[in-house]
Amino acid sequence: LPKVIKDWINEQVESSKDWKAIKATLFLSETNLDAFDMSESFSKIPACLLVRYADVQNVIFAKMNKLSRKSPVDMESVRLWMKDLQETKHYSTLLSVDPDMNGPFLVSWMSPWQKMILENAEEWCIDSTHKTCKSFVKSTDDCYLCTIVFCNKVTKKGVSVCFFITNREVTLVL
């Protein structure tokens, strides 16, 4: 894509537009469409016809990646996020990684109100979702996102009170 189009896509994404909103702006007026149809040369394609979903998606993913990482090194990014959650939001966090980087790891976080509920809960259960993400220790391994859920006695609905990511679903880690 020409630089001017790439810059335009970046501006749209920076202004928090998604593909649907961006796509709505990509059209030719009837006059321009007629002029394009009657043109004998297709060498000058209107810029709006050059923008594809994948072009916008790549810019959105790059922005999300930049926003979600505090460091380009995964392990350092996780450490910085845990520190940030503790210091700015007063979350309870745990980062436990095997020193030789081959064993199990556990990354856990919960907000103050979640901690209060969990400490007073008589019963709770763990919900696990496998292959949620790639391991920040060994990129070929998958991870499990686990959620500790407490049943609210009034609403009879589950309330998530703690989240953790691990590379092993074994009792020792949990």
N, C-alpha and C. Protein backbone atom coordinates (compact mmCIF):
# COMPACT_ATOMS: atom_id res chain seq x y z
N LEU A 1 0.84 -1.20 0.00
CA LEU A 1 0.00 0.00 0.00
C LEU A 1 0.87 1.25 0.00
N PRO A 2 0.39 2.30 -0.65
CA PRO A 2 1.11 3.56 -0.60
C PRO A 2 1.14 4.12 0.83
N LYS A 3 2.17 4.87 1.15
CA LYS A 3 2.35 5.42 2.49
C LYS A 3 1.16 6.25 2.94
N VAL A 4 0.59 7.02 2.03
CA VAL A 4 -0.54 7.87 2.39
C VAL A 4 -1.73 7.03 2.88
N ILE A 5 -1.94 5.86 2.28
CA ILE A 5 -3.03 4.97 2.72
C ILE A 5 -2.70 4.33 4.06
N LYS A 6 -1.45 3.90 4.23
CA LYS A 6 -1.04 3.33 5.52
C LYS A 6 -1.23 4.36 6.64
N ASP A 7 -0.82 5.59 6.37
CA ASP A 7 -0.98 6.66 7.37
C ASP A 7 -2.45 6.90 7.68
N TRP A 8 -3.29 6.86 6.65
CA TRP A 8 -4.72 7.06 6.85
C TRP A 8 -5.30 5.94 7.72
N ILE A 9 -4.91 4.70 7.45
CA ILE A 9 -5.39 3.56 8.26
C ILE A 9 -4.94 3.74 9.71
N ASN A 10 -3.69 4.12 9.92
CA ASN A 10 -3.19 4.36 11.29
C ASN A 10 -4.00 5.44 12.00
N GLU A 11 -4.33 6.52 11.31
CA GLU A 11 -5.14 7.58 11.90
C GLU A 11 -6.50 7.06 12.33
N GLN A 12 -7.11 6.24 11.47
CA GLN A 12 -8.43 5.68 11.78
C GLN A 12 -8.38 4.79 13.02
N VAL A 13 -7.37 3.94 13.08
CA VAL A 13 -7.22 3.02 14.22
C VAL A 13 -6.90 3.81 15.49
N GLU A 14 -6.05 4.82 15.39
CA GLU A 14 -5.71 5.65 16.56
C GLU A 14 -6.93 6.40 17.09
N SER A 15 -7.89 6.68 16.21
CA SER A 15 -9.11 7.35 16.67
C SER A 15 -10.16 6.33 17.13
N SER A 16 -9.71 5.10 17.40
CA SER A 16 -10.52 4.02 17.98
C SER A 16 -11.61 3.49 17.07
N LYS A 17 -11.41 3.57 15.78
CA LYS A 17 -12.37 2.99 14.85
C LYS A 17 -12.02 1.53 14.59
N ASP A 18 -13.04 0.69 14.49
CA ASP A 18 -12.82 -0.71 14.14
C ASP A 18 -13.04 -0.88 12.64
N TRP A 19 -12.93 -2.12 12.16
CA TRP A 19 -13.05 -2.37 10.72
C TRP A 19 -14.41 -1.90 10.19
N LYS A 20 -15.48 -2.15 10.95
CA LYS A 20 -16.82 -1.79 10.49
C LYS A 20 -16.92 -0.28 10.26
N ALA A 21 -16.40 0.50 11.19
CA ALA A 21 -16.45 1.96 11.07
C ALA A 21 -15.57 2.44 9.93
N ILE A 22 -14.40 1.83 9.79
CA ILE A 22 -13.49 2.23 8.71
C ILE A 22 -14.08 1.86 7.35
N LYS A 23 -14.65 0.67 7.27
CA LYS A 23 -15.23 0.21 6.01
C LYS A 23 -16.35 1.14 5.55
N ALA A 24 -17.10 1.66 6.51
CA ALA A 24 -18.21 2.56 6.16
C ALA A 24 -17.73 3.84 5.47
N THR A 25 -16.47 4.20 5.68
CA THR A 25 -15.94 5.41 5.06
C THR A 25 -15.31 5.12 3.69
N LEU A 26 -15.18 3.86 3.35
CA LEU A 26 -14.53 3.47 2.09
C LEU A 26 -15.57 3.27 0.99
N PHE A 27 -15.84 4.29 0.25
CA PHE A 27 -16.78 4.16 -0.86
C PHE A 27 -16.47 5.21 -1.92
N LEU A 28 -16.97 4.97 -3.10
CA LEU A 28 -16.87 5.94 -4.19
C LEU A 28 -18.24 6.56 -4.39
N SER A 29 -18.27 7.85 -4.60
CA SER A 29 -19.54 8.50 -4.93
C SER A 29 -19.98 7.98 -6.29
N GLU A 30 -21.24 8.18 -6.63
CA GLU A 30 -21.73 7.70 -7.93
C GLU A 30 -20.98 8.34 -9.08
N THR A 31 -20.68 9.62 -8.93
CA THR A 31 -19.94 10.33 -9.97
C THR A 31 -18.56 9.73 -10.17
N ASN A 32 -17.84 9.51 -9.07
CA ASN A 32 -16.50 8.94 -9.15
C ASN A 32 -16.53 7.50 -9.66
N LEU A 33 -17.57 6.76 -9.28
CA LEU A 33 -17.70 5.38 -9.72
C LEU A 33 -17.94 5.34 -11.23
N ASP A 34 -18.82 6.23 -11.73
CA ASP A 34 -19.08 6.29 -13.17
C ASP A 34 -17.82 6.67 -13.93
N ALA A 35 -17.09 7.64 -13.39
CA ALA A 35 -15.85 8.08 -14.05
C ALA A 35 -14.83 6.94 -14.08
N PHE A 36 -14.76 6.18 -13.00
CA PHE A 36 -13.83 5.05 -12.93
C PHE A 36 -14.25 3.96 -13.90
N ASP A 37 -15.56 3.67 -13.99
CA ASP A 37 -16.06 2.65 -14.90
C ASP A 37 -15.79 3.00 -16.36
N MET A 38 -15.92 4.29 -16.72
CA MET A 38 -15.76 4.71 -18.11
C MET A 38 -14.30 4.91 -18.49
N SER A 39 -13.43 4.90 -17.50
CA SER A 39 -12.01 5.11 -17.77
C SER A 39 -11.46 3.92 -18.54
N GLU A 40 -10.63 4.19 -19.52
CA GLU A 40 -10.04 3.11 -20.30
C GLU A 40 -8.84 2.50 -19.60
N SER A 41 -8.28 3.25 -18.66
CA SER A 41 -7.08 2.77 -17.97
C SER A 41 -7.42 2.46 -16.51
N PHE A 42 -7.11 1.24 -16.10
CA PHE A 42 -7.33 0.87 -14.71
C PHE A 42 -6.03 1.01 -13.91
N SER A 43 -5.10 1.77 -14.44
CA SER A 43 -3.81 1.91 -13.75
C SER A 43 -3.94 2.77 -12.50
N LYS A 44 -4.91 3.66 -12.48
CA LYS A 44 -5.09 4.53 -11.30
C LYS A 44 -6.34 4.09 -10.55
N ILE A 45 -6.15 3.16 -9.64
CA ILE A 45 -7.28 2.65 -8.85
C ILE A 45 -7.50 3.59 -7.68
N PRO A 46 -8.76 3.96 -7.41
CA PRO A 46 -9.03 4.85 -6.27
C PRO A 46 -8.51 4.24 -4.97
N ALA A 47 -7.95 5.09 -4.12
CA ALA A 47 -7.32 4.64 -2.87
C ALA A 47 -8.28 3.85 -1.99
N CYS A 48 -9.54 4.25 -1.96
CA CYS A 48 -10.49 3.56 -1.09
C CYS A 48 -10.70 2.10 -1.48
N LEU A 49 -10.41 1.75 -2.72
CA LEU A 49 -10.56 0.37 -3.16
C LEU A 49 -9.34 -0.49 -2.84
N LEU A 50 -8.27 0.15 -2.39
CA LEU A 50 -7.04 -0.59 -2.07
C LEU A 50 -7.02 -1.10 -0.63
N VAL A 51 -7.82 -0.52 0.24
CA VAL A 51 -7.81 -0.88 1.66
C VAL A 51 -8.55 -2.20 1.85
N ARG A 52 -7.86 -3.16 2.45
CA ARG A 52 -8.45 -4.47 2.71
C ARG A 52 -8.59 -4.70 4.22
N TYR A 53 -9.43 -5.65 4.55
CA TYR A 53 -9.64 -6.01 5.96
C TYR A 53 -8.31 -6.35 6.63
N ALA A 54 -7.48 -7.15 5.97
CA ALA A 54 -6.21 -7.59 6.56
C ALA A 54 -5.30 -6.40 6.87
N ASP A 55 -5.32 -5.36 6.03
CA ASP A 55 -4.50 -4.17 6.28
C ASP A 55 -4.91 -3.50 7.59
N VAL A 56 -6.20 -3.36 7.78
CA VAL A 56 -6.71 -2.73 9.00
C VAL A 56 -6.48 -3.63 10.20
N GLN A 57 -6.73 -4.92 10.04
CA GLN A 57 -6.55 -5.88 11.14
C GLN A 57 -5.10 -5.88 11.62
N ASN A 58 -4.15 -5.82 10.72
CA ASN A 58 -2.73 -5.80 11.12
C ASN A 58 -2.41 -4.56 11.95
N VAL A 59 -2.95 -3.42 11.58
CA VAL A 59 -2.71 -2.19 12.34
C VAL A 59 -3.36 -2.29 13.72
N ILE A 60 -4.57 -2.82 13.78
CA ILE A 60 -5.27 -2.98 15.07
C ILE A 60 -4.49 -3.93 15.97
N PHE A 61 -4.04 -5.08 15.43
CA PHE A 61 -3.27 -6.03 16.23
C PHE A 61 -1.96 -5.42 16.73
N ALA A 62 -1.31 -4.65 15.88
CA ALA A 62 -0.06 -4.00 16.30
C ALA A 62 -0.32 -3.02 17.44
N LYS A 63 -1.42 -2.28 17.36
CA LYS A 63 -1.77 -1.33 18.42
C LYS A 63 -2.08 -2.08 19.72
N MET A 64 -2.86 -3.15 19.62
CA MET A 64 -3.21 -3.93 20.82
C MET A 64 -1.96 -4.53 21.44
N ASN A 65 -1.06 -5.03 20.62
CA ASN A 65 0.18 -5.61 21.11
C ASN A 65 1.00 -4.56 21.85
N LYS A 66 1.09 -3.38 21.28
CA LYS A 66 1.85 -2.30 21.90
C LYS A 66 1.24 -1.88 23.24
N LEU A 67 -0.09 -1.83 23.30
CA LEU A 67 -0.77 -1.43 24.53
C LEU A 67 -0.71 -2.50 25.62
N SER A 68 -0.68 -3.77 25.22
CA SER A 68 -0.75 -4.84 26.21
C SER A 68 0.62 -5.28 26.73
N ARG A 69 1.68 -4.84 26.12
CA ARG A 69 3.03 -5.23 26.55
C ARG A 69 3.73 -4.06 27.23
N LYS A 70 4.29 -4.34 28.37
CA LYS A 70 5.09 -3.33 29.06
C LYS A 70 6.57 -3.49 28.74
N SER A 71 6.90 -4.59 28.07
CA SER A 71 8.28 -4.86 27.64
C SER A 71 8.21 -5.82 26.45
N PRO A 72 9.16 -5.73 25.53
CA PRO A 72 9.16 -6.70 24.42
C PRO A 72 9.50 -8.12 24.86
N VAL A 73 10.13 -8.27 26.02
CA VAL A 73 10.46 -9.58 26.56
C VAL A 73 9.27 -10.04 27.42
N ASP A 74 8.68 -11.18 27.05
CA ASP A 74 7.44 -11.64 27.70
C ASP A 74 7.55 -11.72 29.22
N MET A 75 8.58 -12.37 29.73
CA MET A 75 8.72 -12.55 31.18
C MET A 75 8.80 -11.19 31.88
N GLU A 76 9.54 -10.26 31.33
CA GLU A 76 9.66 -8.94 31.93
C GLU A 76 8.33 -8.20 31.85
N SER A 77 7.60 -8.35 30.78
CA SER A 77 6.30 -7.73 30.63
C SER A 77 5.33 -8.23 31.72
N VAL A 78 5.34 -9.53 31.95
CA VAL A 78 4.48 -10.11 33.00
C VAL A 78 4.87 -9.55 34.37
N ARG A 79 6.16 -9.50 34.66
CA ARG A 79 6.62 -8.94 35.94
C ARG A 79 6.16 -7.49 36.11
N LEU A 80 6.30 -6.72 35.05
CA LEU A 80 5.90 -5.31 35.11
C LEU A 80 4.39 -5.15 35.28
N TRP A 81 3.61 -6.01 34.64
CA TRP A 81 2.15 -5.96 34.82
C TRP A 81 1.77 -6.31 36.26
N MET A 82 2.41 -7.33 36.82
CA MET A 82 2.11 -7.70 38.21
C MET A 82 2.44 -6.55 39.16
N LYS A 83 3.57 -5.92 38.95
CA LYS A 83 3.99 -4.79 39.76
C LYS A 83 2.99 -3.63 39.61
N ASP A 84 2.58 -3.36 38.39
CA ASP A 84 1.63 -2.29 38.13
C ASP A 84 0.29 -2.56 38.82
N LEU A 85 -0.21 -3.78 38.74
CA LEU A 85 -1.47 -4.12 39.39
C LEU A 85 -1.39 -3.96 40.91
N GLN A 86 -0.25 -4.33 41.49
CA GLN A 86 -0.07 -4.17 42.93
C GLN A 86 -0.02 -2.71 43.34
N GLU A 87 0.79 -1.94 42.63
CA GLU A 87 1.06 -0.56 43.03
C GLU A 87 -0.06 0.41 42.68
N THR A 88 -0.66 0.26 41.53
CA THR A 88 -1.67 1.25 41.12
C THR A 88 -3.09 0.85 41.47
N LYS A 89 -3.37 -0.45 41.52
CA LYS A 89 -4.75 -0.88 41.78
C LYS A 89 -4.88 -1.69 43.06
N HIS A 90 -3.77 -1.90 43.74
CA HIS A 90 -3.75 -2.62 45.02
C HIS A 90 -4.28 -4.06 44.89
N TYR A 91 -4.00 -4.67 43.76
CA TYR A 91 -4.38 -6.06 43.53
C TYR A 91 -3.46 -6.97 44.32
N SER A 92 -3.97 -8.15 44.64
CA SER A 92 -3.13 -9.21 45.18
C SER A 92 -2.63 -10.00 43.98
N THR A 93 -1.33 -10.18 43.88
CA THR A 93 -0.76 -10.88 42.73
C THR A 93 0.22 -11.94 43.20
N LEU A 94 0.46 -12.88 42.32
CA LEU A 94 1.45 -13.91 42.58
C LEU A 94 2.11 -14.26 41.25
N LEU A 95 3.41 -14.25 41.25
CA LEU A 95 4.17 -14.68 40.09
C LEU A 95 5.17 -15.71 40.57
N SER A 96 4.89 -16.96 40.26
CA SER A 96 5.74 -18.05 40.71
C SER A 96 6.24 -18.80 39.47
N VAL A 97 7.54 -18.70 39.23
CA VAL A 97 8.14 -19.33 38.05
C VAL A 97 9.29 -20.22 38.52
N ASP A 98 9.32 -21.44 37.99
CA ASP A 98 10.40 -22.37 38.30
C ASP A 98 11.74 -21.74 37.89
N PRO A 99 12.74 -21.75 38.77
CA PRO A 99 14.02 -21.10 38.47
C PRO A 99 14.70 -21.59 37.19
N ASP A 100 14.57 -22.88 36.88
CA ASP A 100 15.23 -23.38 35.67
C ASP A 100 14.36 -23.19 34.41
N MET A 101 13.21 -22.57 34.58
CA MET A 101 12.30 -22.22 33.48
C MET A 101 11.75 -23.44 32.74
N ASN A 102 11.85 -24.63 33.31
CA ASN A 102 11.30 -25.82 32.67
C ASN A 102 10.11 -26.38 33.43
N GLY A 103 9.93 -25.94 34.65
CA GLY A 103 8.86 -26.46 35.48
C GLY A 103 7.59 -25.64 35.37
N PRO A 104 6.70 -25.85 36.31
CA PRO A 104 5.42 -25.15 36.27
C PRO A 104 5.57 -23.67 36.66
N PHE A 105 4.65 -22.87 36.18
CA PHE A 105 4.58 -21.48 36.62
C PHE A 105 3.13 -21.13 36.91
N LEU A 106 2.96 -20.08 37.69
CA LEU A 106 1.63 -19.60 38.06
C LEU A 106 1.67 -18.09 38.11
N VAL A 107 0.75 -17.45 37.43
CA VAL A 107 0.57 -16.00 37.47
C VAL A 107 -0.87 -15.78 37.92
N SER A 108 -1.04 -15.07 39.01
CA SER A 108 -2.38 -14.90 39.56
C SER A 108 -2.63 -13.46 39.96
N TRP A 109 -3.87 -13.03 39.85
CA TRP A 109 -4.24 -11.67 40.25
C TRP A 109 -5.70 -11.62 40.66
N MET A 110 -5.99 -10.75 41.63
CA MET A 110 -7.36 -10.49 42.05
C MET A 110 -7.44 -9.11 42.67
N SER A 111 -8.56 -8.47 42.48
CA SER A 111 -8.77 -7.12 43.01
C SER A 111 -9.09 -7.20 44.50
N PRO A 112 -9.03 -6.08 45.21
CA PRO A 112 -9.36 -6.10 46.64
C PRO A 112 -10.77 -6.62 46.93
N TRP A 113 -11.76 -6.23 46.14
CA TRP A 113 -13.12 -6.70 46.41
C TRP A 113 -13.25 -8.20 46.12
N GLN A 114 -12.53 -8.70 45.12
CA GLN A 114 -12.55 -10.13 44.84
C GLN A 114 -11.90 -10.91 45.98
N LYS A 115 -10.82 -10.37 46.51
CA LYS A 115 -10.12 -11.03 47.61
C LYS A 115 -11.03 -11.12 48.84
N MET A 116 -11.75 -10.05 49.11
CA MET A 116 -12.66 -10.04 50.27
C MET A 116 -13.73 -11.11 50.12
N ILE A 117 -14.30 -11.24 48.94
CA ILE A 117 -15.33 -12.26 48.70
C ILE A 117 -14.74 -13.66 48.85
N LEU A 118 -13.57 -13.88 48.26
CA LEU A 118 -12.95 -15.20 48.31
C LEU A 118 -12.60 -15.60 49.74
N GLU A 119 -12.10 -14.66 50.53
CA GLU A 119 -11.75 -14.96 51.92
C GLU A 119 -12.97 -15.34 52.75
N ASN A 120 -14.14 -14.86 52.38
CA ASN A 120 -15.36 -15.16 53.13
C ASN A 120 -16.21 -16.26 52.50
N ALA A 121 -15.76 -16.79 51.38
CA ALA A 121 -16.54 -17.81 50.67
C ALA A 121 -16.42 -19.16 51.36
N GLU A 122 -17.54 -19.83 51.50
CA GLU A 122 -17.53 -21.17 52.07
C GLU A 122 -17.22 -22.21 51.00
N GLU A 123 -17.67 -21.96 49.80
CA GLU A 123 -17.43 -22.87 48.68
C GLU A 123 -17.03 -22.07 47.45
N TRP A 124 -16.20 -22.67 46.64
CA TRP A 124 -15.82 -22.07 45.36
C TRP A 124 -15.36 -23.18 44.44
N CYS A 125 -15.25 -22.90 43.18
CA CYS A 125 -14.77 -23.91 42.24
C CYS A 125 -13.83 -23.26 41.24
N ILE A 126 -13.12 -24.09 40.51
CA ILE A 126 -12.17 -23.60 39.51
C ILE A 126 -12.68 -23.97 38.12
N ASP A 127 -12.71 -22.98 37.26
CA ASP A 127 -13.05 -23.18 35.86
C ASP A 127 -11.77 -23.00 35.06
N SER A 128 -11.48 -23.94 34.18
CA SER A 128 -10.23 -23.89 33.41
C SER A 128 -10.53 -23.87 31.92
N THR A 129 -9.80 -23.01 31.22
CA THR A 129 -9.89 -22.94 29.77
C THR A 129 -8.50 -23.24 29.23
N HIS A 130 -8.36 -24.34 28.49
CA HIS A 130 -7.03 -24.72 28.01
C HIS A 130 -6.70 -24.02 26.69
N LYS A 131 -5.40 -23.98 26.41
CA LYS A 131 -4.86 -23.35 25.20
C LYS A 131 -5.33 -21.91 25.02
N THR A 132 -5.33 -21.18 26.12
CA THR A 132 -5.76 -19.78 26.09
C THR A 132 -4.70 -18.90 25.48
N CYS A 133 -3.44 -19.20 25.78
CA CYS A 133 -2.34 -18.40 25.26
C CYS A 133 -1.07 -19.25 25.22
N LYS A 134 -0.04 -18.70 24.64
CA LYS A 134 1.25 -19.36 24.63
C LYS A 134 2.01 -19.00 25.90
N SER A 135 2.83 -19.90 26.35
CA SER A 135 3.61 -19.69 27.56
C SER A 135 4.62 -18.56 27.37
N PHE A 136 4.78 -17.74 28.39
CA PHE A 136 5.81 -16.69 28.34
C PHE A 136 7.17 -17.24 28.75
N VAL A 137 7.20 -18.49 29.20
CA VAL A 137 8.45 -19.14 29.59
C VAL A 137 9.00 -19.94 28.41
N LYS A 138 8.13 -20.72 27.77
CA LYS A 138 8.53 -21.57 26.65
C LYS A 138 7.44 -21.43 25.58
N SER A 139 7.74 -20.72 24.51
CA SER A 139 6.72 -20.33 23.53
C SER A 139 6.04 -21.49 22.81
N THR A 140 6.58 -22.68 22.90
CA THR A 140 5.94 -23.83 22.25
C THR A 140 4.84 -24.44 23.13
N ASP A 141 4.82 -24.08 24.41
CA ASP A 141 3.82 -24.62 25.34
C ASP A 141 2.56 -23.78 25.36
N ASP A 142 1.44 -24.44 25.61
CA ASP A 142 0.18 -23.74 25.79
C ASP A 142 -0.05 -23.49 27.27
N CYS A 143 -0.97 -22.58 27.56
CA CYS A 143 -1.29 -22.27 28.94
C CYS A 143 -2.78 -22.46 29.21
N TYR A 144 -3.09 -22.47 30.47
CA TYR A 144 -4.47 -22.59 30.93
C TYR A 144 -4.84 -21.31 31.67
N LEU A 145 -5.99 -20.75 31.34
CA LEU A 145 -6.53 -19.65 32.10
C LEU A 145 -7.53 -20.25 33.07
N CYS A 146 -7.29 -20.07 34.34
CA CYS A 146 -8.18 -20.61 35.35
C CYS A 146 -8.86 -19.46 36.09
N THR A 147 -10.10 -19.69 36.44
CA THR A 147 -10.87 -18.69 37.17
C THR A 147 -11.46 -19.36 38.40
N ILE A 148 -11.27 -18.75 39.54
CA ILE A 148 -11.94 -19.23 40.75
C ILE A 148 -13.29 -18.52 40.80
N VAL A 149 -14.34 -19.33 40.88
CA VAL A 149 -15.70 -18.81 40.82
C VAL A 149 -16.42 -19.12 42.12
N PHE A 150 -17.11 -18.14 42.64
CA PHE A 150 -17.88 -18.25 43.87
C PHE A 150 -19.35 -18.06 43.49
N CYS A 151 -20.25 -18.81 44.09
CA CYS A 151 -21.67 -18.69 43.79
C CYS A 151 -22.30 -17.67 44.72
N ASN A 152 -22.83 -16.61 44.14
CA ASN A 152 -23.50 -15.57 44.92
C ASN A 152 -24.81 -16.14 45.44
N LYS A 153 -25.03 -16.09 46.75
CA LYS A 153 -26.21 -16.69 47.38
C LYS A 153 -27.49 -15.95 47.01
N VAL A 154 -27.40 -14.68 46.71
CA VAL A 154 -28.58 -13.89 46.37
C VAL A 154 -28.99 -14.11 44.91
N THR A 155 -28.05 -13.96 44.00
CA THR A 155 -28.38 -14.05 42.57
C THR A 155 -28.28 -15.48 42.03
N LYS A 156 -27.63 -16.36 42.79
CA LYS A 156 -27.39 -17.75 42.35
C LYS A 156 -26.57 -17.79 41.06
N LYS A 157 -25.75 -16.78 40.84
CA LYS A 157 -24.89 -16.70 39.67
C LYS A 157 -23.44 -16.79 40.11
N GLY A 158 -22.59 -17.24 39.21
CA GLY A 158 -21.17 -17.33 39.51
C GLY A 158 -20.52 -15.96 39.46
N VAL A 159 -19.60 -15.72 40.39
CA VAL A 159 -18.84 -14.47 40.44
C VAL A 159 -17.36 -14.84 40.36
N SER A 160 -16.66 -14.31 39.38
CA SER A 160 -15.23 -14.57 39.24
C SER A 160 -14.48 -13.80 40.33
N VAL A 161 -13.71 -14.51 41.15
CA VAL A 161 -13.02 -13.85 42.25
C VAL A 161 -11.51 -13.96 42.19
N CYS A 162 -10.97 -14.68 41.23
CA CYS A 162 -9.53 -14.76 41.07
C CYS A 162 -9.23 -15.35 39.70
N PHE A 163 -8.16 -14.86 39.08
CA PHE A 163 -7.74 -15.37 37.78
C PHE A 163 -6.30 -15.82 37.89
N PHE A 164 -5.96 -16.90 37.21
CA PHE A 164 -4.56 -17.28 37.13
C PHE A 164 -4.27 -18.02 35.84
N ILE A 165 -3.03 -17.93 35.42
CA ILE A 165 -2.55 -18.60 34.22
C ILE A 165 -1.44 -19.54 34.65
N THR A 166 -1.49 -20.75 34.13
CA THR A 166 -0.47 -21.74 34.46
C THR A 166 -0.18 -22.59 33.22
N ASN A 167 0.96 -23.23 33.22
CA ASN A 167 1.30 -24.11 32.11
C ASN A 167 1.02 -25.58 32.45
N ARG A 168 0.58 -25.84 33.67
CA ARG A 168 0.28 -27.21 34.08
C ARG A 168 -1.00 -27.25 34.89
N GLU A 169 -1.87 -28.18 34.55
CA GLU A 169 -3.09 -28.37 35.32
C GLU A 169 -2.88 -29.54 36.27
N VAL A 170 -2.09 -29.31 37.29
CA VAL A 170 -1.83 -30.35 38.29
C VAL A 170 -2.07 -29.75 39.66
N THR A 171 -2.45 -30.58 40.61
CA THR A 171 -2.79 -30.12 41.94
C THR A 171 -1.66 -29.34 42.60
N LEU A 172 -0.43 -29.77 42.39
CA LEU A 172 0.72 -29.10 42.99
C LEU A 172 0.77 -27.61 42.62
N VAL A 173 0.49 -27.32 41.36
CA VAL A 173 0.51 -25.92 40.89
C VAL A 173 -0.71 -25.18 41.39
N LEU A 174 -1.86 -25.82 41.32
CA LEU A 174 -3.11 -25.17 41.70
C LEU A 174 -3.18 -25.00 43.20
